[in-house]
Structures are given as structure tokens and as C-alpha cells.
């Protein structure tokens, strides 16, 4: 076998391997888009505090503290009046919603968060 023939064979292996690596990288990048990724559920989370009626902080005991301690969570599909509302009535309703949420969470025997997703880019706080 000539030297040129063995180099061509080696080149085709490298080329095939390179295409394989590129395929894997592009495939995994599309599968792990942060806005589309679900992180499953978290059981036995500990309620810490609430900012409003739809945004609270929890401790995820099974997650590393760097991401699981005091994690802000905005409840998907719930929209309560803002704490810094535009009028007194909105502020009053916001305080009432916050207190209702705190009461429910403090009385809960067990808290499980399901369908956990990373905050979307449309949410300023990425909650």
C-alpha cells in the first residue's frame, strides 16, 4: 500500500469523525434550549418567603445550595396585582393576594413543584 493511499484513508476517517462530532453538537444544542427545557419536579421543597401573590422563594433540599437555596419561583399561569401598583386599590389587592399565598404555603404539609422550567426571556426576572 502506498503512503498516499493510507493518508487518504486516514483523511476520510477524520472527516467522518468531524461530521459526527458536529452532528452531536448541533443536535444537543437544539435539544437543550434553556427556554424549552423542563427540569421535572421537586418534592418536599421548603417555603421561604413571598414577594407577591405569584412569586415566592423556596429551598430545594435535593439541589445544590448555589441554585437550590432561596430559589425565586413564579407560579406559571397565575398573575396577581403588583406590590408596587399604580393605585391604592391595586396595592391593597396585592397585599391580600400575598397574604393568601403565604397562608396556604405555611399550612401545607408538603410542597411539590411540578413542570419546573427556567424563566423565559420575556420575564425580566427570569423566574
Protein backbone atom coordinates (compact mmCIF):
# COMPACT_ATOMS: atom_id res chain seq x y z
CA UNK A 1 0.00 0.00 0.00
CA UNK A 2 1.42 3.36 -0.92
CA UNK A 3 1.84 6.20 1.55
CA UNK A 4 -0.68 8.33 -0.37
CA UNK A 5 -3.37 5.64 -0.17
CA UNK A 6 -3.00 5.28 3.62
CA UNK A 7 -3.16 9.07 4.08
CA UNK A 8 -6.39 9.22 2.06
CA UNK A 9 -7.87 6.51 4.23
CA UNK A 10 -6.87 8.40 7.39
CA UNK A 11 -8.29 11.65 5.99
CA UNK A 12 -11.69 10.05 5.34
CA UNK A 13 -11.81 8.73 8.91
CA UNK A 14 -11.01 12.17 10.32
CA UNK A 15 -13.58 13.77 8.05
CA UNK A 16 -16.29 11.27 9.10
CA UNK A 17 -15.43 11.73 12.77
CA UNK A 18 -15.56 15.54 12.39
CA UNK A 19 -19.03 15.38 10.82
CA UNK A 20 -20.17 13.06 13.59
CA UNK A 21 -18.97 15.47 16.30
CA UNK A 22 -20.62 18.44 14.57
CA UNK A 23 -23.87 16.48 14.29
CA UNK A 24 -23.81 15.64 18.01
CA UNK A 25 -23.04 19.23 19.00
CA UNK A 26 -25.79 20.76 16.88
CA UNK A 27 -28.29 18.09 17.91
CA UNK A 28 -27.66 18.55 21.62
CA UNK A 29 -27.72 22.35 21.31
CA UNK A 30 -31.20 22.24 19.83
CA UNK A 31 -32.40 19.79 22.47
CA UNK A 32 -31.14 21.82 25.41
CA UNK A 33 -32.53 25.26 24.59
CA UNK A 34 -32.85 26.79 28.08
CA UNK A 35 -36.26 28.29 27.38
CA UNK A 36 -37.71 24.94 26.25
CA UNK A 37 -36.12 22.68 28.82
CA UNK A 38 -38.18 21.21 31.65
CA UNK A 39 -36.45 20.22 34.85
CA UNK A 40 -39.16 17.86 36.07
CA UNK A 41 -40.44 18.18 39.63
CA UNK A 42 -39.05 18.95 43.06
CA UNK A 43 -40.61 17.31 46.10
CA UNK A 44 -40.54 18.46 49.70
CA UNK A 45 -39.36 21.97 48.92
CA UNK A 46 -39.35 24.35 51.86
CA UNK A 47 -41.25 27.62 51.62
CA UNK A 48 -39.06 30.59 52.50
CA UNK A 49 -40.89 33.82 51.64
CA UNK A 50 -43.16 35.56 49.14
CA UNK A 51 -42.65 38.80 47.31
CA UNK A 52 -46.17 38.86 45.93
CA UNK A 53 -49.09 36.55 45.38
CA UNK A 54 -47.43 34.81 42.42
CA UNK A 55 -43.70 34.93 43.24
CA UNK A 56 -42.12 33.12 46.19
CA UNK A 57 -38.75 31.77 47.31
CA UNK A 58 -38.16 28.13 48.14
CA UNK A 59 -35.30 25.93 49.33
CA UNK A 60 -34.82 22.83 47.17
CA UNK A 61 -33.19 20.40 49.61
CA UNK A 62 -32.10 17.95 46.90
CA UNK A 63 -30.43 20.61 44.72
CA UNK A 64 -27.00 22.15 45.37
CA UNK A 65 -27.29 25.27 47.56
CA UNK A 66 -25.84 27.50 44.87
CA UNK A 67 -29.02 27.02 42.80
CA UNK A 68 -31.49 25.48 45.25
CA UNK A 69 -31.29 27.82 48.24
CA UNK A 70 -33.77 30.69 48.12
CA UNK A 71 -34.75 29.96 44.52
CA UNK A 72 -37.30 32.51 43.25
CA UNK A 73 -40.31 30.81 41.69
CA UNK A 74 -43.07 32.48 39.73
CA UNK A 75 -46.20 30.37 39.51
CA UNK A 76 -46.98 29.76 35.86
CA UNK A 77 -50.44 30.86 34.80
CA UNK A 78 -51.06 32.98 37.92
CA UNK A 79 -50.95 36.76 37.75
CA UNK A 80 -51.72 38.74 40.88
CA UNK A 81 -51.72 42.52 41.31
CA UNK A 82 -48.26 44.08 41.59
CA UNK A 83 -46.91 45.06 45.01
CA UNK A 84 -45.80 48.39 43.58
CA UNK A 85 -49.16 49.02 41.94
CA UNK A 86 -50.35 52.13 40.19
CA UNK A 87 -53.12 52.89 42.72
CA UNK A 88 -54.14 52.18 46.32
CA UNK A 89 -56.70 49.56 45.28
CA UNK A 90 -54.08 47.58 43.35
CA UNK A 91 -51.68 47.78 46.31
CA UNK A 92 -54.44 46.58 48.67
CA UNK A 93 -55.29 43.63 46.41
CA UNK A 94 -51.59 42.79 46.02
CA UNK A 95 -51.11 42.62 49.81
CA UNK A 96 -54.23 40.45 50.13
CA UNK A 97 -53.02 38.05 47.40
CA UNK A 98 -49.57 37.84 49.01
CA UNK A 99 -51.03 37.05 52.44
CA UNK A 100 -53.32 34.39 50.97
CA UNK A 101 -50.38 32.72 49.23
CA UNK A 102 -48.26 32.81 52.41
CA UNK A 103 -51.11 31.33 54.48
CA UNK A 104 -51.65 28.46 52.04
CA UNK A 105 -47.93 27.64 51.79
CA UNK A 106 -47.32 27.83 55.55
CA UNK A 107 -50.23 25.45 56.22
CA UNK A 108 -49.12 22.93 53.59
CA UNK A 109 -47.91 19.57 54.89
CA UNK A 110 -45.86 19.04 51.77
CA UNK A 111 -44.94 21.26 48.81
CA UNK A 112 -44.14 19.79 45.40
CA UNK A 113 -43.28 21.96 42.42
CA UNK A 114 -44.04 20.35 39.07
CA UNK A 115 -43.11 21.13 35.46
CA UNK A 116 -40.21 23.32 36.59
CA UNK A 117 -38.92 25.50 33.78
CA UNK A 118 -36.29 28.14 33.56
CA UNK A 119 -37.71 31.66 33.26
CA UNK A 120 -38.38 32.85 29.76
CA UNK A 121 -36.55 35.72 28.19
CA UNK A 122 -39.84 37.65 28.19
CA UNK A 123 -39.86 37.69 32.02
CA UNK A 124 -37.49 40.44 33.19
CA UNK A 125 -36.52 38.50 36.35
CA UNK A 126 -36.23 35.09 34.57
CA UNK A 127 -38.31 33.46 37.34
